[in-house]
Protein backbone atom coordinates (compact mmCIF):
# COMPACT_ATOMS: atom_id res chain seq x y z
CA MET A 1 -32.81 -35.76 58.13
CA GLN A 2 -29.72 -37.59 58.93
CA THR A 3 -26.51 -35.89 57.98
CA THR A 4 -23.00 -36.41 58.14
CA ARG A 5 -20.64 -33.51 59.98
CA PHE A 6 -17.07 -33.02 59.13
CA LYS A 7 -15.01 -30.17 60.59
CA GLY A 8 -18.23 -28.26 61.09
CA MET A 9 -19.80 -28.82 57.86
CA ALA A 10 -22.85 -31.10 57.19
CA LEU A 11 -23.77 -32.92 53.89
CA ASP A 12 -26.48 -34.87 52.96
CA ARG A 13 -25.94 -38.94 53.53
CA VAL A 14 -26.96 -39.19 49.74
CA PRO A 15 -24.09 -38.83 48.14
CA ARG A 16 -23.48 -35.51 45.58
CA ARG A 17 -22.38 -36.66 42.27
CA VAL A 18 -19.87 -34.30 41.05
CA GLY A 19 -17.90 -34.04 37.73
CA VAL A 20 -14.87 -31.94 36.97
CA VAL A 21 -14.43 -30.19 33.86
CA GLY A 22 -10.43 -29.60 33.18
CA TYR A 23 -7.44 -31.38 34.66
CA GLY A 24 -4.77 -28.80 35.13
CA ARG A 25 -3.35 -27.89 38.52
CA LEU A 26 -6.32 -26.83 40.21
CA GLY A 27 -8.64 -29.64 38.48
CA GLN A 28 -6.04 -32.28 39.48
CA SER A 29 -5.92 -30.93 43.30
CA LEU A 30 -9.60 -31.12 43.27
CA VAL A 31 -9.62 -34.53 41.74
CA SER A 32 -7.24 -35.64 44.40
CA HIS A 33 -9.30 -33.91 47.21
CA LEU A 34 -13.02 -35.93 45.74
CA LEU A 35 -11.15 -39.11 45.55
CA THR A 36 -9.40 -39.17 49.12
CA GLN A 37 -12.10 -36.78 51.17
CA GLY A 38 -15.22 -37.13 48.96
CA PRO A 39 -16.88 -40.48 50.30
CA GLU A 40 -16.68 -39.20 54.03
CA LEU A 41 -17.96 -35.52 52.82
CA GLY A 42 -20.93 -37.36 51.15
CA LEU A 43 -19.08 -36.49 47.58
CA GLU A 44 -18.59 -39.19 44.52
CA LEU A 45 -16.55 -38.23 41.94
CA VAL A 46 -18.59 -39.45 38.58
CA PHE A 47 -16.34 -37.86 35.83
CA VAL A 48 -13.31 -36.17 34.87
CA TRP A 49 -12.94 -34.55 31.47
CA ASN A 50 -10.02 -32.93 29.89
CA ARG A 51 -9.38 -31.35 26.51
CA ASP A 52 -6.37 -33.42 26.23
CA PRO A 53 -7.40 -36.80 27.52
CA GLY A 54 -4.01 -38.31 27.56
CA ARG A 55 -3.10 -35.69 30.53
CA MET A 56 -5.39 -38.21 32.74
CA ALA A 57 -3.68 -41.47 32.06
CA GLY A 58 -2.23 -42.88 34.94
CA SER A 59 -3.89 -40.68 37.64
CA VAL A 60 -7.45 -40.72 36.72
CA PRO A 61 -9.26 -43.91 37.04
CA PRO A 62 -10.34 -45.24 33.16
CA SER A 63 -13.98 -45.47 34.46
CA LEU A 64 -13.85 -41.79 35.65
CA GLN A 65 -12.54 -40.55 32.36
CA LEU A 66 -14.98 -38.88 30.44
CA GLN A 67 -14.21 -38.81 26.68
CA ASN A 68 -16.94 -36.85 25.30
CA LEU A 69 -18.30 -33.75 27.04
CA ALA A 70 -21.61 -33.42 25.59
CA ALA A 71 -22.20 -37.21 27.09
CA LEU A 72 -22.02 -35.89 30.83
CA GLY A 73 -25.37 -36.32 31.30
CA GLU A 74 -25.24 -40.18 31.15
CA ARG A 75 -23.23 -39.83 34.63
CA HIS A 76 -26.08 -38.20 36.10
CA PRO A 77 -24.08 -35.45 38.02
CA ASP A 78 -25.80 -33.06 40.76
CA LEU A 79 -23.00 -30.58 40.30
CA VAL A 80 -20.27 -30.04 37.31
CA VAL A 81 -17.30 -28.05 38.50
CA GLU A 82 -15.40 -26.07 35.60
CA VAL A 83 -11.59 -25.49 35.95
CA ALA A 84 -10.70 -25.59 32.46
CA HIS A 85 -10.75 -22.08 30.33
CA PRO A 86 -13.55 -19.54 29.84
CA LYS A 87 -14.32 -21.14 26.36
CA ILE A 88 -15.63 -24.18 28.22
CA ILE A 89 -18.48 -22.01 29.72
CA GLN A 90 -19.08 -19.89 26.57
CA GLU A 91 -19.42 -23.32 24.18
CA SER A 92 -20.83 -25.84 26.85
CA GLY A 93 -21.99 -23.86 29.95
CA ALA A 94 -25.74 -23.85 29.01
CA GLN A 95 -25.89 -27.50 28.11
CA ILE A 96 -24.09 -28.40 31.22
CA LEU A 97 -27.01 -26.68 33.21
CA ARG A 98 -29.47 -29.02 31.54
CA TYR A 99 -28.06 -32.02 33.74
CA ALA A 100 -26.81 -30.35 36.77
CA ASN A 101 -25.65 -27.28 39.10
CA LEU A 102 -22.61 -25.73 37.62
CA LEU A 103 -19.60 -23.96 39.44
CA VAL A 104 -17.54 -21.90 37.09
CA GLY A 105 -14.07 -21.43 37.47
CA SER A 106 -13.42 -19.17 34.99
CA PRO A 107 -15.73 -16.21 35.72
CA SER A 108 -13.97 -14.18 33.01
CA ALA A 109 -16.32 -16.06 30.48
CA LEU A 110 -19.32 -14.10 31.93
CA ALA A 111 -17.64 -10.66 30.76
CA ASP A 112 -19.49 -11.65 27.47
CA GLN A 113 -22.83 -10.50 27.81
CA ALA A 114 -24.12 -12.98 25.65
CA THR A 115 -22.88 -15.93 27.58
CA GLU A 116 -24.22 -14.39 30.74
CA GLN A 117 -27.33 -14.43 29.56
CA GLN A 118 -27.40 -17.73 27.93
CA LEU A 119 -26.55 -19.02 31.40
CA LEU A 120 -29.17 -17.24 33.10
CA GLU A 121 -31.65 -18.65 30.71
CA ALA A 122 -30.62 -22.11 31.14
CA SER A 123 -30.30 -21.95 34.68
CA HIS A 124 -34.19 -20.77 34.96
CA ARG A 125 -35.39 -23.03 32.06
CA TRP A 126 -33.76 -26.38 34.07
CA ASN A 127 -34.04 -25.07 37.52
CA HIS A 128 -30.21 -25.32 38.11
CA ALA A 129 -28.01 -22.97 39.82
CA VAL A 130 -24.79 -21.30 38.31
CA PHE A 131 -22.45 -20.73 41.12
CA VAL A 132 -18.96 -18.73 40.84
CA ALA A 133 -15.97 -19.47 42.77
CA ARG A 134 -14.66 -16.20 44.41
CA GLY A 135 -11.15 -17.49 44.07
CA ALA A 136 -8.51 -14.99 45.14
CA LEU A 137 -10.98 -12.08 46.01
CA TRP A 138 -10.97 -11.42 49.54
CA GLY A 139 -14.05 -9.68 51.16
CA THR A 140 -16.44 -10.93 48.47
CA GLU A 141 -19.47 -11.03 51.13
CA ASP A 142 -18.42 -7.54 52.33
CA ILE A 143 -18.26 -6.15 48.97
CA THR A 144 -21.56 -7.56 48.27
CA ARG A 145 -23.29 -6.35 51.50
CA LEU A 146 -22.05 -2.83 51.09
CA ASP A 147 -23.31 -2.83 47.24
CA THR A 148 -26.69 -4.20 48.13
CA ALA A 149 -26.91 -1.36 50.91
CA GLY A 150 -25.92 1.26 48.09
CA GLY A 151 -23.17 2.19 49.97
CA LEU A 152 -20.19 1.09 47.15
CA GLN A 153 -19.25 3.97 44.56
CA SER A 154 -16.09 2.49 43.24
CA LEU A 155 -14.07 -0.74 43.32
CA ARG A 156 -11.02 -1.22 42.00
CA VAL A 157 -9.02 -4.68 41.64
CA THR A 158 -5.17 -4.91 40.91
CA MET A 159 -3.13 -8.26 40.32
CA ALA A 160 0.39 -8.11 40.14
CA THR A 161 2.93 -11.02 39.44
CA HIS A 162 5.76 -12.00 37.29
CA PRO A 163 5.35 -11.63 33.36
CA ASP A 164 5.68 -15.50 33.29
CA GLY A 165 2.40 -15.96 34.96
CA PHE A 166 0.42 -14.40 32.49
CA ARG A 167 -1.35 -16.21 29.52
CA LEU A 168 -2.18 -12.94 27.66
CA GLU A 169 -3.90 -12.85 24.32
CA GLY A 170 -4.56 -10.27 21.43
CA PRO A 171 -3.28 -6.68 22.14
CA LEU A 172 -2.44 -7.34 25.67
CA ALA A 173 -0.09 -10.25 24.42
CA ALA A 174 2.07 -7.38 22.28
CA VAL A 175 2.69 -4.81 25.15
CA PRO A 176 6.20 -5.16 26.36
CA SER A 177 7.14 -5.07 29.94
CA THR A 178 9.48 -1.93 30.62
CA GLY A 179 11.23 -1.77 33.76
CA ARG A 180 10.75 -3.66 36.83
CA ARG A 181 7.11 -2.81 36.87
CA THR A 182 4.73 -2.40 34.04
CA VAL A 183 1.00 -1.75 34.07
CA LEU A 184 -0.23 -3.97 31.37
CA TYR A 185 -4.19 -2.78 31.46
CA ASP A 186 -6.02 -0.17 33.53
CA GLY A 187 -9.80 -0.14 32.96
CA PRO A 188 -13.17 -1.72 33.00
CA VAL A 189 -12.73 -5.32 33.67
CA ARG A 190 -14.97 -6.17 30.54
CA GLY A 191 -12.42 -4.69 28.55
CA LEU A 192 -9.67 -7.08 30.19
CA CYS A 193 -11.44 -10.53 30.40
CA PRO A 194 -11.22 -11.32 26.72
CA PHE A 195 -7.43 -10.75 26.22
CA ALA A 196 -6.71 -11.92 29.80
CA PRO A 197 -8.94 -14.82 30.14
CA ARG A 198 -7.07 -16.77 32.76
CA ASN A 199 -5.56 -13.77 34.57
CA SER A 200 -8.75 -11.75 35.20
CA ASN A 201 -10.90 -14.17 37.15
CA THR A 202 -10.39 -12.06 40.45
CA MET A 203 -11.36 -9.27 38.52
CA ALA A 204 -14.62 -10.80 37.15
CA ALA A 205 -15.69 -12.29 40.79
CA ALA A 206 -15.41 -8.65 41.84
CA ALA A 207 -17.71 -7.34 39.21
CA LEU A 208 -20.19 -10.19 39.67
CA ALA A 209 -20.03 -9.41 43.78
CA ALA A 210 -20.77 -5.74 42.93
CA PRO A 211 -23.59 -5.78 40.57
CA SER A 212 -24.46 -2.36 40.87
CA LEU A 213 -20.99 -1.41 39.12
CA GLY A 214 -20.71 -4.71 37.06
CA PHE A 215 -18.10 -5.43 34.62
CA ASP A 216 -18.16 -1.79 32.85
CA ARG A 217 -17.77 0.16 36.23
CA VAL A 218 -15.64 -2.16 38.16
CA VAL A 219 -11.91 -1.27 37.34
CA GLY A 220 -9.29 -4.16 36.73
CA VAL A 221 -5.32 -3.48 36.86
CA LEU A 222 -2.76 -5.92 35.46
CA VAL A 223 0.57 -5.33 36.60
CA ALA A 224 3.67 -7.14 35.52
CA ASP A 225 6.32 -7.05 38.08
CA LEU A 226 9.55 -8.86 37.68
CA SER A 227 10.59 -9.03 41.44
CA LEU A 228 7.08 -11.25 42.09
CA THR A 229 8.94 -14.33 40.91
CA ASP A 230 7.17 -16.78 43.39
CA MET A 231 3.71 -15.00 44.40
CA HIS A 232 0.26 -12.94 42.96
CA VAL A 233 -0.54 -9.91 44.74
CA VAL A 234 -3.97 -9.01 44.89
CA GLU A 235 -4.95 -5.59 45.87
CA VAL A 236 -8.80 -4.45 46.36
CA GLU A 237 -9.62 -0.82 46.81
CA LEU A 238 -13.23 0.33 47.30
CA SER A 239 -14.84 3.59 48.28
CA GLY A 240 -18.70 4.75 48.96
CA PRO A 241 -20.36 8.06 48.51
CA PRO A 242 -19.23 11.27 50.51
CA GLY A 243 -20.47 11.17 54.09
CA PRO A 244 -21.98 14.28 55.85
CA THR A 245 -18.30 15.31 56.56
CA GLY A 246 -17.26 15.03 52.86
CA ARG A 247 -15.22 12.04 53.78
CA ARG A 248 -15.89 8.74 52.10
CA PHE A 249 -15.99 5.14 53.51
CA ALA A 250 -12.80 3.36 51.86
CA VAL A 251 -10.80 0.11 52.25
CA HIS A 252 -7.95 -1.02 50.97
CA THR A 253 -6.61 -4.97 51.16
CA HIS A 254 -3.46 -6.26 50.18
CA ARG A 255 -3.07 -10.19 49.69
CA GLU A 256 -0.23 -11.85 48.84
CA ASN A 257 -0.54 -15.45 47.23
CA PRO A 258 2.33 -18.18 46.98
CA ALA A 259 2.64 -19.07 43.47
CA GLU A 260 5.21 -21.64 41.87
CA PRO A 261 6.95 -19.38 39.23
CA GLY A 262 5.31 -18.96 36.05
CA ALA A 263 1.84 -20.35 37.55
CA VAL A 264 -1.51 -19.01 36.78
CA THR A 265 -3.06 -20.16 40.09
CA GLY A 266 -1.97 -19.42 43.39
CA SER A 267 -1.24 -21.99 46.36
CA ALA A 268 -4.18 -20.43 48.42
CA THR A 269 -6.63 -20.01 45.47
CA VAL A 270 -6.33 -23.91 45.19
CA THR A 271 -7.45 -24.23 49.00
CA THR A 272 -10.17 -21.62 48.43
CA PHE A 273 -11.78 -23.21 45.53
CA TRP A 274 -12.14 -26.49 47.44
CA ARG A 275 -14.25 -24.53 50.21
CA SER A 276 -16.20 -23.07 47.44
CA LEU A 277 -16.79 -26.43 45.99
CA LEU A 278 -17.70 -27.82 49.52
CA GLY A 279 -19.91 -24.52 50.25
CA CYS A 280 -22.05 -24.62 47.14
CA CYS A 281 -22.79 -28.64 47.79
CA GLN A 282 -24.64 -27.17 50.78
CA LEU A 283 -26.63 -24.41 49.06
CA PRO A 284 -30.00 -24.98 47.52
CA SER A 285 -30.29 -25.17 43.68
CA ARG A 286 -31.77 -21.80 42.76
CA PRO A 287 -31.86 -20.23 39.57
CA GLY A 288 -29.43 -17.61 38.89
CA ILE A 289 -25.89 -16.77 39.28
CA HIS A 290 -24.42 -16.97 42.92
CA LEU A 291 -20.96 -16.36 44.40
CA CYS A 292 -19.62 -19.07 46.31
């Protein structure tokens, strides 16, 4: 088969048709990449949908603007990229899978067990894959390998940023920030996602990377830190079972991701997501949920 190579990557010459759902900061970046770099990578942008269509005016060609998400099948996409809100996955994820593979940018949606089950059933019914972007999670492959080998006993992910970077709901929105650094939540990831749907995606990706622990045993910690005005800090702590000497294998990573003041998505995460999109375009369409 003939292939086109670009910076070490190979994609089929037949263009992969990509649709983007969501036109916030991350969606705008992906659309720009697809329009400028997509053709030489074998990728064709076929639609952009946003809950507020007016946001696309002047920047997305009218022919690419999709007014009704339910009509996405008319654009015949191979991959639909969601970068909007977990509600889109919960409301439309299963329907999207009828027409295309799905790259989920809001994995906190999968903390809802009914949503996860619906996606799995639709994936197998229509023979399309559910890809989940790793986002800001560092060491995803290592976590998965350790979990598969039975060597992962605990996993804790802490995300800290300035309070202005949070979009909290329900009881979390009412938690006061006291002092320079306030722990807003410390507990199972499943309990965090519904109340911090846009700030818990890294924790959700960790829960999917370690299925033996999952959403109920991976711990998520959300910290409001007044000193972090221009960055998101993600710390991942994991440990294995005791060895012959009683000591445990342990890893602690600390990742500082530059971010504009008040931004939900850090700068490095935008780049990582583009790489996830390119990566899943090269993977086979296997039913099931796969980190990318």
